[in-house]
Amino acid sequence: MWGFAERKPARFGSDLDLSDVYDQLDTLRGYVQDLSQSAGKNASRSYGRARDFASDTAHEAEDLMKDNLAASLLLTLGFGVAIGYLISRSSK
């Protein structure tokens, strides 16, 4: 098995320099690491923006419901009646 591993570089030619291959692998490893860090930072920023947007929207909806309490209760009652009717109709 070791003989095969030693013969393999000789097949590619005598101009193959293993130190160049190791340098290129190190460079590639650095590029991949930088790319993964950049992707992680972008994902974190996007998650933060989405969380803030959802939180702001929820607070706005809550404030709107508090300002229009009677309309919110009537709308909720109407949805409840409609859903109850649809459920009772589908179970028959």
Protein backbone atom coordinates (compact mmCIF):
# COMPACT_ATOMS: atom_id res chain seq x y z
CA MET A 1 0.00 0.00 0.00
CA TRP A 2 2.77 2.43 0.83
CA GLY A 3 4.50 1.66 -2.42
CA PHE A 4 1.42 2.79 -4.38
CA ALA A 5 1.31 6.10 -2.50
CA GLU A 6 4.98 6.70 -3.20
CA ARG A 7 4.64 5.92 -6.91
CA LYS A 8 1.53 8.07 -7.48
CA PRO A 9 3.28 11.50 -7.65
CA ALA A 10 5.80 10.10 -10.13
CA ARG A 11 2.98 9.40 -12.58
CA PHE A 12 2.00 13.08 -12.74
CA GLY A 13 5.44 14.12 -13.80
CA SER A 14 8.71 15.07 -12.29
CA ASP A 15 7.84 18.80 -12.17
CA LEU A 16 5.29 18.28 -9.36
CA ASP A 17 6.44 20.04 -6.22
CA LEU A 18 4.64 18.97 -3.05
CA SER A 19 5.48 22.19 -1.24
CA ASP A 20 3.58 24.11 -3.93
CA VAL A 21 0.59 21.80 -3.49
CA TYR A 22 0.68 22.32 0.28
CA ASP A 23 0.90 26.11 -0.21
CA GLN A 24 -2.08 26.04 -2.55
CA LEU A 25 -4.05 23.91 -0.09
CA ASP A 26 -3.24 26.36 2.71
CA THR A 27 -4.37 29.25 0.53
CA LEU A 28 -7.56 27.40 -0.37
CA ARG A 29 -8.18 26.61 3.29
CA GLY A 30 -7.84 30.31 4.10
CA TYR A 31 -10.30 31.26 1.35
CA VAL A 32 -12.84 28.73 2.59
CA GLN A 33 -12.44 29.94 6.16
CA ASP A 34 -12.92 33.58 5.13
CA LEU A 35 -15.96 32.64 3.06
CA SER A 36 -17.57 30.70 5.90
CA GLN A 37 -16.95 33.54 8.35
CA SER A 38 -18.46 36.04 5.92
CA ALA A 39 -21.50 33.84 5.34
CA GLY A 40 -21.96 33.43 9.10
CA LYS A 41 -21.81 37.19 9.67
CA ASN A 42 -24.31 37.84 6.86
CA ALA A 43 -26.69 35.19 8.20
CA SER A 44 -26.44 36.66 11.69
CA ARG A 45 -27.18 40.16 10.40
CA SER A 46 -30.14 38.93 8.35
CA TYR A 47 -31.53 37.02 11.32
CA GLY A 48 -31.23 40.13 13.49
CA ARG A 49 -33.03 42.29 10.94
CA ALA A 50 -35.81 39.72 10.51
CA ARG A 51 -36.21 39.40 14.28
CA ASP A 52 -36.41 43.18 14.69
CA PHE A 53 -38.93 43.48 11.84
CA ALA A 54 -41.13 40.75 13.31
CA SER A 55 -40.94 42.30 16.77
CA ASP A 56 -41.83 45.76 15.44
CA THR A 57 -44.73 44.36 13.42
CA ALA A 58 -46.07 42.48 16.45
CA HIS A 59 -45.89 45.62 18.59
CA GLU A 60 -47.67 47.64 15.90
CA ALA A 61 -50.43 45.02 15.64
CA GLU A 62 -50.81 44.97 19.41
CA ASP A 63 -51.04 48.77 19.54
CA LEU A 64 -53.57 48.77 16.70
CA MET A 65 -55.71 46.19 18.51
CA LYS A 66 -55.58 48.20 21.73
CA ASP A 67 -56.60 51.37 19.88
CA ASN A 68 -59.54 49.60 18.19
CA LEU A 69 -60.58 47.17 20.90
CA ALA A 70 -64.26 46.96 19.98
CA ALA A 71 -63.52 46.29 16.31
CA SER A 72 -60.88 43.72 17.26
CA LEU A 73 -63.33 41.84 19.48
CA LEU A 74 -66.07 41.87 16.83
CA LEU A 75 -63.62 40.69 14.16
CA THR A 76 -62.37 37.90 16.41
CA LEU A 77 -65.95 36.86 17.22
CA GLY A 78 -66.79 36.83 13.50
CA PHE A 79 -63.78 34.66 12.68
CA GLY A 80 -64.69 32.29 15.49
CA VAL A 81 -68.25 31.93 14.25
CA ALA A 82 -67.09 31.40 10.64
CA ILE A 83 -64.51 28.78 11.62
CA GLY A 84 -67.02 27.03 13.88
CA TYR A 85 -69.55 26.93 11.04
CA LEU A 86 -66.96 25.50 8.62
CA ILE A 87 -65.87 22.85 11.10
CA SER A 88 -69.41 21.80 11.92
CA ARG A 89 -70.27 21.68 8.23
CA SER A 90 -67.24 19.56 7.33
CA SER A 91 -67.93 17.04 10.11
CA LYS A 92 -71.44 16.24 8.81
